[in-house]
């Protein structure tokens, strides 16, 4: 199973282009396609990124399209395609809405992704949040948290074992005993769920010291405090170097040392995985930023 070594901190990123919410999409992404998506993933693969991540929506109602848009490439097929174009980077769903699928269907998809990729699947799962999307799919929005709690043991059992309740499925994952399951969400129930079930925790934004403390307390209560655990944090937008254009007041920028210091200042104690994101105006620029970060900034961040 993919784990973060003790004393280490890794970094990964959500891919651009795959999800084009109007809340965060850059203009260059709107005219980009598979070639640019592949280029960003290959850049991550070549420069030590722990994972690339993709989001999950099936169909969005017109009531939210003004903010969220409708361009959300299907996550498992996207990661399977990227698996053939990369060699080492982890392939993460951030996140896969588990209540939308039967847990055996979900396990089949991730097992197959892990098999195809040679053991690089990272199952980031969550409860979802768009009520109308749940209703369109015939899924009870108000039970979504309970559905995740009920599905996770079956999902994880099916990833770990060929047979569940007398029904078998192959191919099997390459990772042993299974791919890691990183549970997402920043609400109290989501943090409790991650503490009880997860091999990792994916916040839906920046993590805080209080969130990490709650996670650790939950793990202690569940008797899981000694198990390896990925604890995540999402950084502000980054731009390494001196920008010649308006990158926004909230963007962390400057020399590599200045960027690293600002990231560390905002990272809670115990975090061992940073999800980074970059301000850029083109595919060329985001790839340049990724390389600059991996080469000049990351070495100052990767030891706890």
Protein backbone atom coordinates (compact mmCIF):
# COMPACT_ATOMS: atom_id res chain seq x y z
CA UNK A 1 0.00 0.00 0.00
CA UNK A 2 1.25 3.49 -0.81
CA UNK A 3 2.19 5.18 2.47
CA UNK A 4 4.05 8.35 3.39
CA UNK A 5 7.29 7.43 5.16
CA UNK A 6 7.61 8.49 8.78
CA UNK A 7 9.20 11.92 9.03
CA UNK A 8 8.51 12.77 5.40
CA UNK A 9 6.10 15.22 3.80
CA UNK A 10 4.93 14.81 0.19
CA UNK A 11 3.22 17.13 -2.27
CA UNK A 12 0.63 16.64 -4.99
CA UNK A 13 -1.87 18.65 -6.96
CA UNK A 14 -5.38 18.70 -8.34
CA UNK A 15 -5.15 18.68 -12.11
CA UNK A 16 -6.35 21.72 -14.06
CA UNK A 17 -8.64 21.29 -17.09
CA UNK A 18 -10.40 18.15 -15.79
CA UNK A 19 -12.75 20.18 -13.59
CA UNK A 20 -13.75 23.65 -14.75
CA UNK A 21 -15.80 25.23 -12.01
CA UNK A 22 -16.25 28.94 -12.57
CA UNK A 23 -15.12 29.40 -8.97
CA UNK A 24 -11.54 28.39 -9.74
CA UNK A 25 -10.97 27.76 -13.47
CA UNK A 26 -8.31 29.84 -15.24
CA UNK A 27 -9.16 31.26 -18.64
CA UNK A 28 -6.51 29.20 -20.44
CA UNK A 29 -8.14 25.97 -19.21
CA UNK A 30 -11.38 26.69 -21.08
CA UNK A 31 -9.76 26.08 -24.45
CA UNK A 32 -7.38 23.36 -23.27
CA UNK A 33 -8.00 19.67 -23.87
CA UNK A 34 -6.55 16.20 -23.42
CA UNK A 35 -3.13 17.15 -24.80
CA UNK A 36 -2.65 19.86 -22.19
CA UNK A 37 -4.08 17.64 -19.43
CA UNK A 38 -1.57 14.95 -20.34
CA UNK A 39 1.28 17.46 -20.38
CA UNK A 40 0.54 18.66 -16.85
CA UNK A 41 0.24 15.09 -15.58
CA UNK A 42 3.54 14.14 -17.24
CA UNK A 43 5.22 17.17 -15.67
CA UNK A 44 4.03 16.00 -12.26
CA UNK A 45 5.22 12.48 -13.04
CA UNK A 46 8.68 13.72 -14.04
CA UNK A 47 9.23 16.03 -11.08
CA UNK A 48 8.39 14.11 -7.94
CA UNK A 49 4.73 14.97 -7.35
CA UNK A 50 3.20 12.30 -5.11
CA UNK A 51 -0.12 12.36 -6.96
CA UNK A 52 -2.34 14.09 -9.45
CA UNK A 53 -5.99 14.45 -8.46
CA UNK A 54 -9.33 14.69 -10.23
CA UNK A 55 -12.86 15.60 -9.08
CA UNK A 56 -16.23 13.88 -9.46
CA UNK A 57 -19.63 15.15 -10.59
CA UNK A 58 -22.09 13.22 -12.76
CA UNK A 59 -24.57 15.90 -13.86
CA UNK A 60 -25.16 19.32 -12.36
CA UNK A 61 -28.46 21.22 -12.23
CA UNK A 62 -28.81 24.51 -14.06
CA UNK A 63 -29.35 26.19 -10.68
CA UNK A 64 -25.64 25.77 -9.84
CA UNK A 65 -24.10 25.90 -13.31
CA UNK A 66 -23.41 29.63 -13.04
CA UNK A 67 -20.85 28.86 -10.37
CA UNK A 68 -19.86 25.26 -10.93
CA UNK A 69 -20.12 24.91 -14.70
CA UNK A 70 -20.73 21.52 -16.34
CA UNK A 71 -17.23 20.45 -17.37
CA UNK A 72 -16.21 17.67 -14.96
CA UNK A 73 -14.44 14.85 -16.80
CA UNK A 74 -15.31 11.43 -15.39
CA UNK A 75 -12.64 10.58 -12.80
CA UNK A 76 -11.89 6.87 -13.18
CA UNK A 77 -11.65 6.85 -16.96
CA UNK A 78 -9.55 10.02 -16.85
CA UNK A 79 -7.11 8.51 -14.36
CA UNK A 80 -7.00 5.24 -16.30
CA UNK A 81 -6.01 7.16 -19.43
CA UNK A 82 -3.39 9.09 -17.52
CA UNK A 83 -2.04 5.84 -16.08
CA UNK A 84 -0.92 4.87 -19.59
CA UNK A 85 0.89 8.19 -20.03
CA UNK A 86 2.77 8.23 -16.70
CA UNK A 87 4.98 5.85 -14.77
CA UNK A 88 5.22 6.77 -11.08
CA UNK A 89 2.80 9.49 -9.99
CA UNK A 90 -0.14 8.45 -7.80
CA UNK A 91 -3.63 8.65 -9.30
CA UNK A 92 -6.06 10.22 -6.83
CA UNK A 93 -9.78 10.91 -6.85
CA UNK A 94 -10.33 14.08 -4.86
CA UNK A 95 -12.97 13.15 -4.45
CA UNK A 96 -15.06 10.24 -5.66
CA UNK A 97 -18.65 10.56 -4.39
CA UNK A 98 -19.12 7.14 -2.86
CA UNK A 99 -22.93 7.30 -2.34
CA UNK A 100 -23.43 7.55 -6.12
CA UNK A 101 -22.23 3.96 -6.63
CA UNK A 102 -22.72 0.57 -5.01
CA UNK A 103 -19.57 -0.12 -2.95
CA UNK A 104 -18.81 -3.21 -5.05
CA UNK A 105 -18.96 -1.11 -8.24
CA UNK A 106 -16.64 1.43 -6.63
CA UNK A 107 -14.22 -1.30 -5.51
CA UNK A 108 -14.22 -2.78 -9.03
CA UNK A 109 -13.31 0.57 -10.54
CA UNK A 110 -10.44 1.28 -8.15
CA UNK A 111 -9.12 -2.29 -8.27
CA UNK A 112 -9.03 -2.09 -12.05
CA UNK A 113 -7.33 1.32 -11.97
CA UNK A 114 -4.70 -0.04 -9.60
CA UNK A 115 -4.14 -3.08 -11.84
CA UNK A 116 -3.83 -1.00 -15.00
CA UNK A 117 -1.49 1.53 -13.39
CA UNK A 118 0.84 -0.96 -11.74
CA UNK A 119 -0.26 -0.05 -8.22
CA UNK A 120 -0.76 3.72 -8.26
CA UNK A 121 -4.44 4.16 -7.34
CA UNK A 122 -5.33 6.42 -4.41
CA UNK A 123 -9.01 6.20 -3.47
CA UNK A 124 -10.08 9.59 -2.19
CA UNK A 125 -13.76 9.27 -1.24
CA UNK A 126 -16.35 11.60 0.19
CA UNK A 127 -20.05 12.19 0.76
CA UNK A 128 -20.81 14.80 -1.94
CA UNK A 129 -22.66 18.07 -1.57
CA UNK A 130 -25.01 18.99 -4.47
CA UNK A 131 -28.50 18.01 -3.32
CA UNK A 132 -30.16 18.23 -6.74
CA UNK A 133 -27.51 15.92 -8.23
CA UNK A 134 -28.32 13.31 -5.57
CA UNK A 135 -32.02 13.64 -6.30
CA UNK A 136 -31.49 13.25 -10.06
CA UNK A 137 -29.54 10.04 -9.42
CA UNK A 138 -32.18 8.72 -7.02
CA UNK A 139 -29.89 8.88 -3.99
CA UNK A 140 -31.04 10.19 -0.60
CA UNK A 141 -29.05 13.39 -0.01
CA UNK A 142 -29.89 13.49 3.68
CA UNK A 143 -28.47 10.00 4.27
CA UNK A 144 -25.25 10.58 2.38
CA UNK A 145 -23.00 10.59 5.43
CA UNK A 146 -24.57 7.43 6.80
CA UNK A 147 -24.30 5.85 3.36
CA UNK A 148 -20.56 6.49 3.31
CA UNK A 149 -20.22 4.98 6.79
CA UNK A 150 -22.12 1.90 5.63
CA UNK A 151 -20.31 1.60 2.31
CA UNK A 152 -16.72 2.06 3.46
CA UNK A 153 -16.28 -1.33 5.18
CA UNK A 154 -17.73 -3.15 2.14
CA UNK A 155 -15.68 -1.06 -0.27
CA UNK A 156 -12.46 -1.65 1.64
CA UNK A 157 -13.18 -5.35 2.12
CA UNK A 158 -13.76 -5.77 -1.62
CA UNK A 159 -10.52 -3.96 -2.41
CA UNK A 160 -8.63 -6.23 -0.03
CA UNK A 161 -10.29 -9.58 -0.77
CA UNK A 162 -11.29 -11.32 -3.97
CA UNK A 163 -14.50 -12.68 -2.41
CA UNK A 164 -17.03 -10.72 -0.36
CA UNK A 165 -20.15 -12.55 0.82
CA UNK A 166 -19.56 -15.30 -1.73
CA UNK A 167 -19.06 -12.99 -4.74
CA UNK A 168 -15.62 -12.64 -6.30
CA UNK A 169 -14.05 -10.03 -8.55
CA UNK A 170 -10.84 -9.84 -10.54
CA UNK A 171 -8.47 -8.34 -11.58
CA UNK A 172 -7.08 -7.68 -8.15
CA UNK A 173 -5.26 -4.50 -7.12
CA UNK A 174 -1.47 -4.54 -7.33
CA UNK A 175 -1.08 -2.81 -3.96
CA UNK A 176 -1.18 -5.06 -0.91
CA UNK A 177 -3.42 -5.47 0.91
CA UNK A 178 -5.25 -2.82 -1.17
CA UNK A 179 -4.95 0.76 -2.41
CA UNK A 180 -5.12 3.37 0.36
CA UNK A 181 -8.48 4.94 1.10
CA UNK A 182 -8.26 8.64 1.92
CA UNK A 183 -11.50 9.97 3.41
CA UNK A 184 -12.36 13.55 2.51
CA UNK A 185 -14.18 16.38 4.20
CA UNK A 186 -13.63 19.16 6.72
CA UNK A 187 -16.87 18.78 8.70
CA UNK A 188 -16.86 17.12 12.11
CA UNK A 189 -18.59 13.95 10.79
CA UNK A 190 -16.12 13.70 7.91
CA UNK A 191 -13.14 14.02 10.25
CA UNK A 192 -14.62 11.35 12.55
CA UNK A 193 -15.13 9.11 9.50
CA UNK A 194 -11.53 9.58 8.39
CA UNK A 195 -10.30 8.79 11.91
CA UNK A 196 -12.37 5.61 12.11
CA UNK A 197 -11.87 4.20 8.62
CA UNK A 198 -9.27 6.08 6.61
CA UNK A 199 -5.67 5.51 5.67
CA UNK A 200 -5.63 9.26 5.12
CA UNK A 201 -7.63 12.47 5.48
CA UNK A 202 -8.23 14.95 2.68
CA UNK A 203 -9.55 18.32 3.85
CA UNK A 204 -11.75 20.21 1.43
CA UNK A 205 -9.67 23.33 1.92
CA UNK A 206 -6.84 24.38 4.20
CA UNK A 207 -6.61 22.24 7.32
CA UNK A 208 -6.36 23.81 10.76
CA UNK A 209 -4.70 22.79 14.00
CA UNK A 210 -8.14 22.13 15.48
CA UNK A 211 -9.08 19.79 12.62
CA UNK A 212 -5.83 17.85 12.92
CA UNK A 213 -6.27 17.59 16.70
CA UNK A 214 -9.82 16.27 16.24
CA UNK A 215 -8.55 13.74 13.70
CA UNK A 216 -5.81 12.54 16.04
CA UNK A 217 -8.24 12.32 18.97
CA UNK A 218 -10.62 10.27 16.84
CA UNK A 219 -7.84 7.91 15.82
CA UNK A 220 -6.82 7.49 19.45
CA UNK A 221 -10.42 6.69 20.44
CA UNK A 222 -10.68 4.14 17.61
CA UNK A 223 -7.43 2.44 18.63
CA UNK A 224 -5.78 3.47 15.36
CA UNK A 225 -3.29 6.08 16.55
CA UNK A 226 -0.27 3.88 15.80
CA UNK A 227 -1.26 3.19 12.18
CA UNK A 228 0.30 5.20 9.33
CA UNK A 229 -1.93 8.08 8.29
CA UNK A 230 -1.85 10.67 5.54
CA UNK A 231 -2.89 14.05 6.94
CA UNK A 232 -3.53 16.63 4.25
CA UNK A 233 -3.50 20.38 3.81
CA UNK A 234 -4.34 22.57 0.81
CA UNK A 235 -2.02 25.53 0.34
CA UNK A 236 -2.99 28.95 -0.98
CA UNK A 237 -2.35 29.56 -4.66
CA UNK A 238 1.37 29.79 -5.36
CA UNK A 239 3.57 31.61 -7.86
CA UNK A 240 7.30 31.03 -7.56
CA UNK A 241 9.33 34.11 -8.49
CA UNK A 242 8.34 37.69 -9.22
CA UNK A 243 5.18 37.84 -11.30
CA UNK A 244 4.80 40.55 -13.93
CA UNK A 245 1.00 40.28 -13.89
CA UNK A 246 -1.77 40.46 -11.31
CA UNK A 247 -1.75 37.15 -9.45
CA UNK A 248 -4.09 38.31 -6.69
CA UNK A 249 -3.42 39.49 -3.16
CA UNK A 250 -3.91 36.05 -1.59
CA UNK A 251 -1.32 34.27 -3.74
CA UNK A 252 1.87 33.16 -1.99
CA UNK A 253 4.74 34.44 -4.10
CA UNK A 254 8.39 35.44 -4.02
CA UNK A 255 11.69 33.61 -3.92
CA UNK A 256 11.71 29.85 -3.32
CA UNK A 257 12.75 30.42 0.29
CA UNK A 258 9.98 32.98 0.82
CA UNK A 259 7.37 30.66 -0.70
CA UNK A 260 8.53 27.72 1.42
CA UNK A 261 8.50 29.81 4.60
CA UNK A 262 4.97 31.07 3.94
CA UNK A 263 3.71 27.55 3.22
CA UNK A 264 5.26 26.18 6.40
CA UNK A 265 3.86 29.05 8.45
CA UNK A 266 0.33 28.09 7.35
CA UNK A 267 0.72 24.31 7.67
CA UNK A 268 -0.57 22.74 10.91
CA UNK A 269 1.68 20.44 12.90
CA UNK A 270 1.24 16.81 11.87
CA UNK A 271 0.45 17.46 8.21
CA UNK A 272 2.47 15.18 5.93
CA UNK A 273 0.84 15.90 2.56
CA UNK A 274 0.55 19.26 0.85
CA UNK A 275 -1.81 19.81 -2.05
CA UNK A 276 -0.38 22.71 -4.01
CA UNK A 277 -1.97 24.90 -6.67
CA UNK A 278 -0.50 27.50 -8.98
CA UNK A 279 -1.51 30.79 -10.56
CA UNK A 280 -0.75 30.63 -14.28
CA UNK A 281 -1.97 32.03 -17.60
CA UNK A 282 -1.16 29.08 -19.85
CA UNK A 283 -0.23 25.42 -19.91
CA UNK A 284 3.38 26.47 -20.46
CA UNK A 285 3.33 28.65 -17.37
CA UNK A 286 1.71 26.13 -15.04
CA UNK A 287 4.26 23.50 -16.08
CA UNK A 288 7.07 26.01 -15.50
CA UNK A 289 5.65 26.76 -12.06
CA UNK A 290 5.39 23.06 -11.22
CA UNK A 291 9.03 22.51 -12.15
CA UNK A 292 10.18 25.58 -10.21
CA UNK A 293 8.25 24.44 -7.14
CA UNK A 294 9.48 20.84 -7.30
CA UNK A 295 13.09 21.88 -7.91
CA UNK A 296 13.53 24.90 -5.68
CA UNK A 297 10.75 24.96 -3.06
CA UNK A 298 9.80 21.36 -2.28
CA UNK A 299 13.19 20.34 -0.86
CA UNK A 300 12.56 22.80 1.97
CA UNK A 301 9.17 21.23 2.75
CA UNK A 302 9.57 17.48 2.49
CA UNK A 303 11.07 16.72 5.91
CA UNK A 304 8.96 17.09 9.02
